[in-house]
N, C-alpha and C. Protein backbone atom coordinates (compact mmCIF):
# COMPACT_ATOMS: atom_id res chain seq x y z
N MET A 1 -14.82 -8.28 -41.37
CA MET A 1 -14.27 -9.20 -40.33
C MET A 1 -14.93 -9.54 -39.00
N GLN A 2 -15.20 -10.74 -38.58
CA GLN A 2 -15.87 -11.16 -37.79
C GLN A 2 -15.65 -10.94 -36.53
N ARG A 3 -16.78 -11.04 -35.53
CA ARG A 3 -16.16 -10.04 -34.44
C ARG A 3 -16.05 -11.29 -33.44
N SER A 4 -15.36 -10.92 -32.66
CA SER A 4 -15.03 -12.59 -31.77
C SER A 4 -16.17 -12.37 -30.55
N ILE A 5 -16.63 -13.20 -29.93
CA ILE A 5 -17.14 -13.47 -28.72
C ILE A 5 -16.97 -12.82 -27.93
N ALA A 6 -15.56 -12.68 -27.71
CA ALA A 6 -14.95 -12.72 -26.01
C ALA A 6 -14.97 -11.12 -25.86
N VAL A 7 -15.40 -10.47 -24.66
CA VAL A 7 -15.93 -9.36 -24.90
C VAL A 7 -14.85 -8.86 -24.14
N ALA A 8 -13.80 -9.16 -23.04
CA ALA A 8 -12.29 -8.75 -22.72
C ALA A 8 -11.65 -9.67 -23.39
N THR A 9 -10.22 -8.75 -22.71
CA THR A 9 -9.42 -10.00 -23.04
C THR A 9 -8.58 -10.87 -22.39
N ALA A 10 -9.51 -11.03 -21.80
CA ALA A 10 -9.24 -12.29 -20.43
C ALA A 10 -9.03 -13.82 -21.01
N ALA A 11 -8.47 -14.37 -20.62
CA ALA A 11 -8.23 -16.00 -20.88
C ALA A 11 -9.72 -16.74 -21.34
N SER A 12 -9.85 -17.59 -22.00
CA SER A 12 -10.22 -18.36 -22.51
C SER A 12 -10.69 -19.23 -21.81
N PRO A 13 -11.30 -20.24 -21.39
CA PRO A 13 -13.21 -20.11 -21.34
C PRO A 13 -13.59 -19.02 -20.48
N GLU A 14 -14.35 -18.28 -20.79
CA GLU A 14 -15.60 -17.47 -19.88
C GLU A 14 -16.86 -17.84 -19.31
N THR A 15 -17.04 -17.67 -18.67
CA THR A 15 -18.59 -17.74 -18.06
C THR A 15 -19.39 -16.93 -17.99
N TYR A 16 -20.80 -17.08 -18.93
CA TYR A 16 -21.52 -16.30 -18.59
C TYR A 16 -23.05 -16.87 -18.28
N VAL A 17 -23.41 -15.86 -17.35
CA VAL A 17 -24.79 -16.64 -17.12
C VAL A 17 -26.02 -16.03 -17.33
N VAL A 18 -27.04 -16.03 -17.82
CA VAL A 18 -28.31 -15.73 -18.19
C VAL A 18 -28.81 -15.16 -17.52
N ASP A 19 -28.95 -13.23 -17.80
CA ASP A 19 -30.00 -12.51 -17.25
C ASP A 19 -31.43 -13.16 -17.63
N LYS A 20 -32.44 -13.36 -16.49
CA LYS A 20 -33.47 -13.89 -16.84
C LYS A 20 -34.21 -12.89 -17.02
N THR A 21 -33.67 -11.40 -16.26
CA THR A 21 -35.14 -10.19 -16.40
C THR A 21 -34.94 -9.33 -17.77
N HIS A 22 -33.69 -9.88 -18.62
CA HIS A 22 -33.03 -9.35 -19.61
C HIS A 22 -33.33 -10.52 -20.72
N SER A 23 -34.02 -11.48 -20.51
CA SER A 23 -33.79 -12.49 -21.94
C SER A 23 -35.60 -12.72 -21.83
N GLU A 24 -35.61 -13.63 -22.67
CA GLU A 24 -37.14 -14.33 -23.27
C GLU A 24 -36.91 -15.32 -24.17
N VAL A 25 -37.86 -16.56 -23.39
CA VAL A 25 -38.24 -17.35 -24.07
C VAL A 25 -39.59 -17.57 -24.37
N SER A 26 -39.96 -17.61 -25.82
CA SER A 26 -41.10 -17.56 -26.30
C SER A 26 -41.69 -18.63 -27.42
N PHE A 27 -42.93 -18.84 -27.48
CA PHE A 27 -43.18 -19.56 -28.75
C PHE A 27 -44.43 -19.87 -29.30
N GLN A 28 -44.89 -19.68 -30.28
CA GLN A 28 -46.22 -19.83 -31.29
C GLN A 28 -46.76 -20.85 -31.78
N VAL A 29 -47.58 -21.47 -31.79
CA VAL A 29 -48.54 -22.15 -32.27
C VAL A 29 -49.68 -21.73 -33.14
N ARG A 30 -49.82 -22.85 -34.17
CA ARG A 30 -50.81 -22.34 -35.23
C ARG A 30 -52.49 -22.62 -34.18
N HIS A 31 -53.28 -21.75 -34.15
CA HIS A 31 -54.77 -22.43 -33.36
C HIS A 31 -55.66 -21.67 -34.25
N MET A 32 -55.97 -22.78 -34.84
CA MET A 32 -57.18 -22.47 -35.60
C MET A 32 -56.75 -21.76 -36.44
N LEU A 33 -57.23 -20.58 -37.19
CA LEU A 33 -56.54 -19.52 -38.31
C LEU A 33 -55.74 -18.84 -37.73
N SER A 34 -55.08 -18.55 -36.57
CA SER A 34 -53.74 -17.29 -36.30
C SER A 34 -53.38 -18.07 -35.23
N LYS A 35 -51.92 -17.44 -34.80
CA LYS A 35 -51.06 -18.15 -33.94
C LYS A 35 -51.07 -17.62 -32.52
N THR A 36 -51.07 -18.18 -31.62
CA THR A 36 -51.34 -18.15 -29.92
C THR A 36 -49.64 -17.99 -29.83
N ARG A 37 -49.53 -17.09 -28.96
CA ARG A 37 -48.20 -16.76 -28.45
C ARG A 37 -47.99 -17.15 -27.08
N GLY A 38 -46.98 -17.68 -26.86
CA GLY A 38 -46.77 -17.66 -25.35
C GLY A 38 -45.23 -17.64 -24.41
N ARG A 39 -44.75 -17.54 -23.18
CA ARG A 39 -43.44 -17.34 -23.24
C ARG A 39 -43.02 -18.39 -22.05
N PHE A 40 -42.10 -18.18 -21.28
CA PHE A 40 -41.83 -19.11 -20.23
C PHE A 40 -41.49 -18.01 -19.26
N THR A 41 -41.32 -17.98 -17.90
CA THR A 41 -40.99 -16.99 -17.28
C THR A 41 -40.29 -17.13 -16.46
N ASP A 42 -39.42 -18.30 -16.22
CA ASP A 42 -38.48 -19.08 -15.50
C ASP A 42 -37.59 -20.24 -15.84
N PHE A 43 -36.38 -19.62 -16.42
CA PHE A 43 -35.08 -20.32 -16.43
C PHE A 43 -34.08 -19.98 -16.53
N GLU A 44 -33.08 -20.96 -16.61
CA GLU A 44 -31.54 -20.15 -16.43
C GLU A 44 -30.67 -21.04 -17.18
N GLY A 45 -29.68 -20.26 -17.42
CA GLY A 45 -28.38 -20.84 -18.76
C GLY A 45 -27.50 -20.73 -18.16
N VAL A 46 -26.18 -21.46 -18.39
CA VAL A 46 -24.46 -20.79 -18.68
C VAL A 46 -24.17 -21.61 -19.64
N ILE A 47 -23.60 -20.04 -19.96
CA ILE A 47 -22.59 -20.25 -21.64
C ILE A 47 -20.95 -20.64 -21.15
N GLN A 48 -20.60 -21.23 -21.37
CA GLN A 48 -18.90 -21.33 -21.57
C GLN A 48 -18.93 -20.77 -23.30
N VAL A 49 -18.00 -19.73 -22.92
CA VAL A 49 -17.17 -19.07 -24.16
C VAL A 49 -15.92 -19.53 -24.36
N ASP A 50 -15.58 -19.98 -25.77
CA ASP A 50 -13.72 -19.93 -25.84
C ASP A 50 -14.00 -19.10 -26.81
N ALA A 51 -13.44 -18.11 -26.76
CA ALA A 51 -12.98 -17.40 -27.57
C ALA A 51 -11.71 -17.58 -28.97
N ILE A 52 -10.77 -18.13 -28.09
CA ILE A 52 -9.82 -18.77 -29.23
C ILE A 52 -10.28 -19.78 -29.62
N HIS A 53 -10.68 -20.97 -29.77
CA HIS A 53 -11.23 -22.13 -29.85
C HIS A 53 -12.93 -22.08 -29.58
N PRO A 54 -13.49 -21.56 -30.84
CA PRO A 54 -15.16 -21.64 -30.15
C PRO A 54 -15.81 -22.98 -30.61
N GLU A 55 -15.03 -23.74 -31.15
CA GLU A 55 -15.88 -25.12 -31.40
C GLU A 55 -15.73 -26.00 -29.69
N SER A 56 -14.89 -25.24 -28.78
CA SER A 56 -15.14 -25.57 -27.56
C SER A 56 -15.93 -25.15 -26.58
N SER A 57 -17.09 -23.92 -26.96
CA SER A 57 -17.95 -23.25 -26.64
C SER A 57 -19.12 -24.55 -26.06
N SER A 58 -19.76 -24.00 -24.65
CA SER A 58 -20.79 -24.86 -24.78
C SER A 58 -21.88 -24.07 -23.99
N VAL A 59 -23.40 -24.34 -23.86
CA VAL A 59 -24.02 -24.00 -23.46
C VAL A 59 -25.21 -25.37 -22.49
N GLU A 60 -25.68 -25.12 -21.18
CA GLU A 60 -26.57 -25.72 -20.89
C GLU A 60 -27.60 -24.36 -20.39
N PHE A 61 -29.14 -24.99 -20.82
CA PHE A 61 -30.11 -23.90 -20.61
C PHE A 61 -31.10 -24.76 -19.56
N ARG A 62 -32.03 -24.18 -19.08
CA ARG A 62 -32.89 -25.22 -18.10
C ARG A 62 -34.25 -24.33 -18.08
N VAL A 63 -35.26 -24.95 -18.67
CA VAL A 63 -36.83 -23.72 -18.51
C VAL A 63 -37.72 -24.74 -17.21
N ARG A 64 -37.91 -23.79 -16.52
CA ARG A 64 -39.23 -24.85 -15.67
C ARG A 64 -40.52 -24.82 -16.50
N SER A 65 -40.73 -26.17 -17.27
CA SER A 65 -42.28 -26.09 -18.15
C SER A 65 -43.78 -25.45 -17.27
N ALA A 66 -43.58 -25.61 -15.35
CA ALA A 66 -44.54 -24.62 -15.24
C ALA A 66 -44.91 -23.50 -14.92
N SER A 67 -43.86 -22.75 -15.40
CA SER A 67 -43.91 -21.22 -15.55
C SER A 67 -44.14 -20.45 -17.28
N VAL A 68 -45.01 -21.59 -17.86
CA VAL A 68 -45.31 -21.01 -19.13
C VAL A 68 -46.72 -20.46 -19.00
N ASP A 69 -46.59 -19.24 -19.62
CA ASP A 69 -47.43 -18.27 -19.73
C ASP A 69 -48.28 -17.82 -20.83
N SER A 70 -49.53 -17.73 -21.45
CA SER A 70 -49.42 -17.64 -22.66
C SER A 70 -50.82 -16.54 -22.36
N ASP A 71 -50.61 -15.81 -21.32
CA ASP A 71 -51.74 -14.83 -20.89
C ASP A 71 -53.26 -15.34 -20.83
N LEU A 72 -53.56 -16.19 -20.47
CA LEU A 72 -54.86 -16.90 -19.86
C LEU A 72 -54.75 -18.07 -19.38
N GLU A 73 -54.99 -17.76 -17.44
CA GLU A 73 -54.66 -18.91 -17.09
C GLU A 73 -55.43 -20.14 -16.99
N GLN A 74 -56.46 -20.46 -17.57
CA GLN A 74 -57.16 -21.66 -17.49
C GLN A 74 -56.45 -22.56 -19.16
N ARG A 75 -56.20 -21.67 -19.96
CA ARG A 75 -55.17 -22.49 -21.33
C ARG A 75 -54.07 -23.19 -20.40
N ASP A 76 -53.24 -21.89 -19.87
CA ASP A 76 -51.82 -21.98 -19.10
C ASP A 76 -51.90 -23.39 -17.93
N GLN A 77 -52.96 -24.11 -17.74
CA GLN A 77 -53.59 -24.82 -17.09
C GLN A 77 -53.15 -26.04 -17.59
N HIS A 78 -53.79 -26.13 -18.64
CA HIS A 78 -54.10 -27.07 -19.89
C HIS A 78 -52.58 -27.31 -20.58
N LEU A 79 -52.08 -25.90 -20.35
CA LEU A 79 -50.58 -26.75 -20.62
C LEU A 79 -49.68 -26.95 -20.06
N ARG A 80 -49.96 -27.09 -18.74
CA ARG A 80 -48.91 -27.65 -17.76
C ARG A 80 -49.10 -29.07 -17.61
N SER A 81 -50.36 -29.25 -17.88
CA SER A 81 -51.20 -30.58 -17.99
C SER A 81 -50.70 -31.75 -18.77
N ALA A 82 -50.66 -33.36 -18.36
CA ALA A 82 -50.31 -34.18 -18.82
C ALA A 82 -50.75 -34.50 -20.47
N ASP A 83 -51.31 -33.38 -21.04
CA ASP A 83 -52.04 -33.45 -22.17
C ASP A 83 -50.86 -32.34 -22.82
N PHE A 84 -49.87 -31.65 -22.46
CA PHE A 84 -48.83 -30.84 -23.39
C PHE A 84 -47.74 -31.16 -22.41
N PHE A 85 -46.90 -29.93 -21.32
CA PHE A 85 -45.88 -30.05 -20.73
C PHE A 85 -45.43 -31.07 -19.65
N ASP A 86 -46.98 -31.53 -19.18
CA ASP A 86 -46.82 -32.64 -17.80
C ASP A 86 -46.00 -31.73 -16.62
N ALA A 87 -46.09 -30.68 -16.69
CA ALA A 87 -45.36 -30.19 -15.50
C ALA A 87 -44.69 -30.73 -13.93
N GLU A 88 -46.00 -31.79 -13.82
CA GLU A 88 -45.92 -32.10 -12.65
C GLU A 88 -44.64 -33.28 -12.48
N ARG A 89 -44.54 -34.00 -13.75
CA ARG A 89 -43.71 -34.78 -14.20
C ARG A 89 -42.61 -34.76 -14.67
N HIS A 90 -42.25 -33.52 -15.37
CA HIS A 90 -41.30 -33.25 -15.84
C HIS A 90 -40.89 -31.60 -16.18
N PRO A 91 -40.74 -31.17 -14.59
CA PRO A 91 -40.50 -29.74 -14.44
C PRO A 91 -39.80 -29.22 -15.54
N GLU A 92 -38.76 -29.85 -15.56
CA GLU A 92 -37.92 -29.03 -16.70
C GLU A 92 -37.74 -29.39 -18.24
N VAL A 93 -37.57 -28.32 -18.75
CA VAL A 93 -37.05 -28.58 -20.66
C VAL A 93 -35.53 -28.05 -20.02
N VAL A 94 -34.49 -29.23 -20.40
CA VAL A 94 -33.38 -28.63 -20.66
C VAL A 94 -32.60 -29.40 -22.07
N PHE A 95 -31.49 -28.05 -22.43
CA PHE A 95 -30.76 -28.17 -23.91
C PHE A 95 -29.62 -28.13 -23.29
N ARG A 96 -28.56 -29.02 -23.11
CA ARG A 96 -27.13 -29.40 -23.17
C ARG A 96 -26.40 -29.35 -24.79
N SER A 97 -25.40 -28.36 -25.06
CA SER A 97 -24.90 -28.90 -26.05
C SER A 97 -23.65 -29.79 -25.69
N ASP A 98 -23.28 -30.49 -27.34
CA ASP A 98 -22.18 -30.81 -27.11
C ASP A 98 -21.11 -30.52 -28.26
N ARG A 99 -21.46 -29.70 -29.31
CA ARG A 99 -20.76 -29.54 -30.25
C ARG A 99 -21.12 -27.73 -30.39
N VAL A 100 -20.05 -27.21 -31.16
CA VAL A 100 -20.24 -25.68 -31.13
C VAL A 100 -19.89 -25.73 -33.00
N ARG A 101 -20.73 -25.03 -33.84
CA ARG A 101 -19.74 -24.57 -35.28
C ARG A 101 -19.80 -23.62 -35.71
N PRO A 102 -18.54 -22.95 -35.67
CA PRO A 102 -18.98 -21.40 -36.07
C PRO A 102 -19.02 -21.32 -37.59
N LEU A 103 -19.79 -20.68 -38.03
CA LEU A 103 -20.37 -20.39 -39.62
C LEU A 103 -19.89 -19.23 -40.24
N GLY A 104 -19.22 -17.96 -39.43
CA GLY A 104 -18.67 -16.91 -39.65
C GLY A 104 -20.02 -15.67 -39.11
N GLU A 105 -19.24 -14.61 -39.57
CA GLU A 105 -20.07 -13.53 -39.21
C GLU A 105 -20.88 -13.71 -38.35
N ASP A 106 -20.71 -13.58 -37.00
CA ASP A 106 -21.44 -14.13 -36.01
C ASP A 106 -22.72 -15.25 -35.81
N ARG A 107 -22.38 -16.11 -36.31
CA ARG A 107 -23.47 -17.24 -36.67
C ARG A 107 -22.40 -18.35 -35.96
N TYR A 108 -23.41 -19.37 -35.52
CA TYR A 108 -22.87 -20.78 -35.12
C TYR A 108 -23.94 -21.38 -35.29
N GLU A 109 -23.44 -22.81 -35.32
CA GLU A 109 -24.73 -23.99 -35.17
C GLU A 109 -24.41 -24.81 -34.23
N VAL A 110 -25.13 -25.02 -33.03
CA VAL A 110 -25.18 -25.34 -31.86
C VAL A 110 -25.68 -26.31 -31.85
N THR A 111 -25.03 -27.82 -31.44
CA THR A 111 -25.94 -29.29 -31.31
C THR A 111 -25.67 -29.49 -30.29
N GLY A 112 -26.97 -30.04 -29.85
CA GLY A 112 -26.98 -30.68 -28.59
C GLY A 112 -28.45 -31.51 -28.32
N THR A 113 -28.86 -32.17 -27.03
CA THR A 113 -29.48 -32.71 -26.43
C THR A 113 -30.59 -31.89 -26.29
N LEU A 114 -31.72 -31.80 -26.77
CA LEU A 114 -32.92 -31.26 -25.81
C LEU A 114 -33.90 -32.54 -25.09
N SER A 115 -34.36 -31.90 -23.85
CA SER A 115 -34.91 -33.10 -23.16
C SER A 115 -36.31 -32.80 -22.56
N LEU A 116 -37.85 -32.99 -23.55
CA LEU A 116 -38.77 -32.08 -23.45
C LEU A 116 -39.71 -33.33 -22.88
N ARG A 117 -40.45 -33.25 -21.79
CA ARG A 117 -41.66 -33.57 -21.53
C ARG A 117 -41.21 -35.43 -21.20
N GLY A 118 -39.81 -35.59 -21.31
CA GLY A 118 -39.45 -37.63 -20.94
C GLY A 118 -38.81 -37.87 -22.34
N VAL A 119 -38.88 -37.15 -23.44
CA VAL A 119 -37.92 -37.11 -24.71
C VAL A 119 -36.72 -36.60 -24.66
N VAL A 120 -35.92 -37.21 -25.36
CA VAL A 120 -34.44 -36.58 -25.58
C VAL A 120 -34.40 -36.92 -26.81
N LYS A 121 -34.16 -35.49 -27.66
CA LYS A 121 -34.01 -35.65 -28.63
C LYS A 121 -32.22 -34.64 -29.11
N ARG A 122 -31.58 -35.23 -30.28
CA ARG A 122 -30.87 -34.41 -31.17
C ARG A 122 -31.30 -32.82 -31.60
N ILE A 123 -31.05 -31.97 -31.28
CA ILE A 123 -31.39 -30.72 -32.38
C ILE A 123 -30.11 -30.00 -32.27
N THR A 124 -30.23 -29.13 -33.76
CA THR A 124 -29.46 -27.90 -34.00
C THR A 124 -29.69 -26.31 -34.03
N LEU A 125 -29.38 -25.84 -33.16
CA LEU A 125 -29.94 -24.60 -33.01
C LEU A 125 -29.10 -23.74 -33.88
N PRO A 126 -29.42 -22.74 -34.75
CA PRO A 126 -28.94 -21.19 -35.59
C PRO A 126 -28.38 -20.32 -34.57
N VAL A 127 -27.80 -20.24 -34.01
CA VAL A 127 -27.44 -19.27 -32.75
C VAL A 127 -26.67 -18.04 -33.61
N SER A 128 -26.97 -16.99 -32.96
CA SER A 128 -26.61 -15.91 -33.68
C SER A 128 -25.70 -14.77 -32.53
N TYR A 129 -24.50 -14.35 -32.83
CA TYR A 129 -24.28 -13.51 -31.15
C TYR A 129 -24.16 -12.35 -31.57
N LEU A 130 -25.28 -11.61 -30.88
CA LEU A 130 -25.55 -9.97 -30.43
C LEU A 130 -24.51 -9.01 -30.47
N GLY A 131 -23.04 -9.50 -29.79
CA GLY A 131 -22.69 -8.70 -29.48
C GLY A 131 -22.00 -8.35 -27.85
N ALA A 132 -21.39 -7.51 -27.44
CA ALA A 132 -21.06 -7.73 -25.99
C ALA A 132 -20.85 -6.21 -26.17
N ALA A 133 -21.16 -5.76 -24.26
CA ALA A 133 -21.05 -4.77 -23.82
C ALA A 133 -20.76 -4.25 -22.41
N ARG A 134 -19.98 -3.41 -22.10
CA ARG A 134 -20.16 -3.19 -20.80
C ARG A 134 -21.38 -2.61 -20.20
N ASP A 135 -21.92 -3.25 -18.94
CA ASP A 135 -23.24 -2.11 -18.70
C ASP A 135 -22.29 -1.27 -17.58
N PRO A 136 -23.09 -0.24 -17.22
CA PRO A 136 -23.42 0.79 -16.37
C PRO A 136 -22.74 0.44 -15.09
N TRP A 137 -22.66 -1.06 -14.32
CA TRP A 137 -22.23 -1.30 -13.48
C TRP A 137 -20.98 -2.00 -13.11
N GLY A 138 -20.18 -2.26 -14.64
CA GLY A 138 -18.87 -2.37 -14.68
C GLY A 138 -18.74 -3.80 -14.77
N GLY A 139 -20.04 -4.46 -15.39
CA GLY A 139 -20.18 -6.01 -15.60
C GLY A 139 -19.77 -6.05 -16.97
N ASN A 140 -19.46 -7.31 -17.70
CA ASN A 140 -19.84 -7.36 -19.22
C ASN A 140 -20.81 -8.38 -19.83
N ARG A 141 -21.69 -8.20 -20.63
CA ARG A 141 -22.98 -8.61 -21.56
C ARG A 141 -22.30 -9.18 -22.45
N ALA A 142 -23.32 -9.85 -22.67
CA ALA A 142 -23.06 -10.78 -24.46
C ALA A 142 -24.69 -11.25 -24.54
N GLY A 143 -24.87 -10.82 -25.92
CA GLY A 143 -26.38 -11.53 -26.56
C GLY A 143 -26.20 -12.43 -27.59
N PHE A 144 -27.28 -13.07 -27.32
CA PHE A 144 -27.07 -14.59 -28.09
C PHE A 144 -28.95 -14.51 -28.79
N SER A 145 -28.57 -15.18 -30.05
CA SER A 145 -30.21 -15.14 -30.24
C SER A 145 -30.15 -16.83 -31.41
N THR A 146 -31.80 -17.37 -30.89
CA THR A 146 -31.88 -18.17 -31.66
C THR A 146 -33.27 -18.79 -31.95
N SER A 147 -33.87 -19.40 -32.98
CA SER A 147 -35.17 -19.63 -33.50
C SER A 147 -35.27 -21.05 -34.16
N ILE A 148 -36.52 -21.95 -33.67
CA ILE A 148 -36.07 -22.92 -34.13
C ILE A 148 -37.40 -23.62 -33.90
N THR A 149 -38.02 -24.34 -35.19
CA THR A 149 -39.41 -25.05 -34.91
C THR A 149 -39.38 -26.25 -34.48
N LEU A 150 -40.03 -26.76 -34.33
CA LEU A 150 -40.16 -28.24 -33.25
C LEU A 150 -41.62 -28.06 -33.32
N ASN A 151 -41.58 -30.13 -34.09
CA ASN A 151 -42.82 -30.51 -33.81
C ASN A 151 -43.54 -31.03 -32.38
N ARG A 152 -44.33 -30.17 -32.12
CA ARG A 152 -44.78 -30.81 -30.74
C ARG A 152 -45.38 -32.64 -30.31
N LYS A 153 -45.73 -33.36 -31.72
CA LYS A 153 -46.22 -34.77 -31.55
C LYS A 153 -44.33 -35.33 -31.00
N ASP A 154 -43.09 -34.86 -31.79
CA ASP A 154 -42.50 -35.32 -31.53
C ASP A 154 -42.02 -36.02 -30.19
N PHE A 155 -42.50 -34.87 -29.30
CA PHE A 155 -42.29 -34.91 -27.86
C PHE A 155 -43.42 -35.53 -26.79
N GLY A 156 -44.27 -36.13 -27.80
CA GLY A 156 -45.54 -36.72 -26.95
C GLY A 156 -46.83 -35.79 -26.49
N MET A 157 -46.50 -34.53 -27.54
CA MET A 157 -47.74 -33.49 -27.14
C MET A 157 -48.88 -33.65 -28.45
N VAL A 158 -49.56 -34.72 -28.01
CA VAL A 158 -50.44 -35.10 -29.18
C VAL A 158 -51.98 -34.41 -29.04
N TRP A 159 -52.00 -34.33 -27.91
CA TRP A 159 -53.55 -33.65 -27.87
C TRP A 159 -54.01 -32.56 -29.23
N ASN A 160 -55.40 -32.90 -29.41
CA ASN A 160 -55.78 -32.12 -30.11
C ASN A 160 -56.97 -32.36 -30.30
N GLN A 161 -58.09 -31.34 -31.13
CA GLN A 161 -59.12 -31.37 -31.31
C GLN A 161 -60.09 -31.50 -32.22
N ALA A 162 -60.77 -32.02 -33.12
CA ALA A 162 -60.66 -31.52 -34.75
C ALA A 162 -62.50 -31.03 -34.57
N LEU A 163 -62.53 -30.03 -35.83
CA LEU A 163 -63.12 -28.99 -35.81
C LEU A 163 -64.32 -29.93 -36.83
N ASP A 164 -65.31 -29.38 -36.93
CA ASP A 164 -66.67 -29.63 -37.22
C ASP A 164 -66.20 -29.55 -38.78
N HIS A 165 -65.90 -28.53 -39.26
CA HIS A 165 -65.72 -28.20 -40.92
C HIS A 165 -64.14 -28.99 -41.38
N GLY A 166 -63.64 -29.73 -40.68
CA GLY A 166 -62.43 -30.34 -41.12
C GLY A 166 -61.00 -29.39 -40.34
N GLY A 167 -60.22 -29.99 -40.13
CA GLY A 167 -58.95 -29.77 -39.61
C GLY A 167 -59.01 -29.39 -38.42
N PHE A 168 -58.01 -29.26 -37.55
CA PHE A 168 -57.99 -29.63 -36.07
C PHE A 168 -58.13 -28.09 -35.57
N VAL A 169 -57.93 -28.06 -34.19
CA VAL A 169 -57.66 -26.40 -33.81
C VAL A 169 -56.22 -26.36 -33.49
N LEU A 170 -55.52 -27.36 -33.35
CA LEU A 170 -54.01 -26.96 -32.50
C LEU A 170 -53.26 -27.46 -34.25
N GLY A 171 -52.14 -26.68 -34.54
CA GLY A 171 -50.80 -26.76 -35.82
C GLY A 171 -49.99 -28.23 -34.97
N ASP A 172 -49.26 -28.66 -35.44
CA ASP A 172 -48.18 -29.63 -34.94
C ASP A 172 -46.47 -28.77 -34.55
N GLN A 173 -46.55 -27.45 -35.60
CA GLN A 173 -45.53 -27.13 -35.43
C GLN A 173 -45.49 -25.80 -34.28
N VAL A 174 -44.33 -25.56 -33.56
CA VAL A 174 -44.27 -24.69 -32.58
C VAL A 174 -42.96 -24.09 -33.08
N TRP A 175 -43.05 -22.43 -32.93
CA TRP A 175 -41.87 -21.89 -33.24
C TRP A 175 -41.33 -21.40 -32.28
N VAL A 176 -40.14 -21.65 -31.51
CA VAL A 176 -39.48 -21.06 -30.64
C VAL A 176 -38.61 -19.86 -30.87
N THR A 177 -38.68 -19.03 -29.96
CA THR A 177 -37.40 -17.99 -30.14
C THR A 177 -36.66 -17.96 -28.99
N ILE A 178 -35.70 -17.73 -28.61
CA ILE A 178 -34.93 -17.50 -27.51
C ILE A 178 -34.19 -16.41 -27.86
N GLU A 179 -34.13 -15.17 -26.70
CA GLU A 179 -33.18 -13.94 -26.81
C GLU A 179 -32.59 -13.91 -25.63
N LEU A 180 -31.20 -13.76 -25.68
CA LEU A 180 -30.56 -13.94 -24.37
C LEU A 180 -29.68 -12.89 -23.81
N GLU A 181 -29.17 -12.47 -22.91
CA GLU A 181 -28.47 -11.47 -22.56
C GLU A 181 -28.02 -12.20 -21.69
N ALA A 182 -26.62 -12.31 -21.32
CA ALA A 182 -25.50 -12.99 -20.19
C ALA A 182 -24.80 -12.14 -19.69
N ILE A 183 -24.35 -12.62 -18.38
CA ILE A 183 -23.56 -11.68 -17.72
C ILE A 183 -22.03 -12.39 -17.25
N ARG A 184 -20.93 -11.97 -17.86
CA ARG A 184 -19.68 -12.78 -17.65
C ARG A 184 -19.51 -12.68 -16.67
N GLN A 185 -19.31 -13.80 -15.83
CA GLN A 185 -18.92 -14.03 -14.40
C GLN A 185 -17.17 -13.54 -14.09
N SER A 186 -17.18 -13.18 -12.73
CA SER A 186 -15.51 -12.54 -12.39
C SER A 186 -14.90 -13.77 -12.04
N LEU A 187 -13.55 -13.63 -12.38
CA LEU A 187 -12.80 -14.96 -12.08
C LEU A 187 -12.49 -14.95 -10.96
N ALA A 188 -12.83 -13.93 -9.95
CA ALA A 188 -12.21 -14.10 -7.96
C ALA A 188 -13.48 -14.15 -7.82
N ALA A 189 -13.15 -15.23 -6.48
CA ALA A 189 -14.44 -16.15 -5.85
C ALA A 189 -14.93 -15.24 -4.98
């Protein structure tokens, strides 16, 4: 039997706000022979959950591109530059859903637009609902997870450097993983 996204028996829809301190936005990209990992430290999101009609649910998620962190400041400065995220001209990466399709067994396809570096593309995210729990402070939380592979060149990130023995420093594919814990907002103002 499929679990419901609803945490409580409250009327649908319910609004959840991403808890940044218990969530993660990370990525990997091929660097010569291995993969380099990074994350974003500043992001926010609102998830509207309609447990009765899940297809009416929605999400809007924003990432501050200047918050990229790969554990090396020189590399992070390059990632913030016009060669990659162009954070000064494009301070946010934004995903807005326009369709949610339940697939069963706590899995969903969430389709919408991804705006990255001035390029807008339609993408579909495979989302897993990780469950719900009441926290020790009386709040209700829900967890969601998604992973997607994007081609950085599709978003104008074409910088690379040829290697003497052939090939390039960076791969084109970027593996993005998002793990979200979100807090249900109370109906009281």
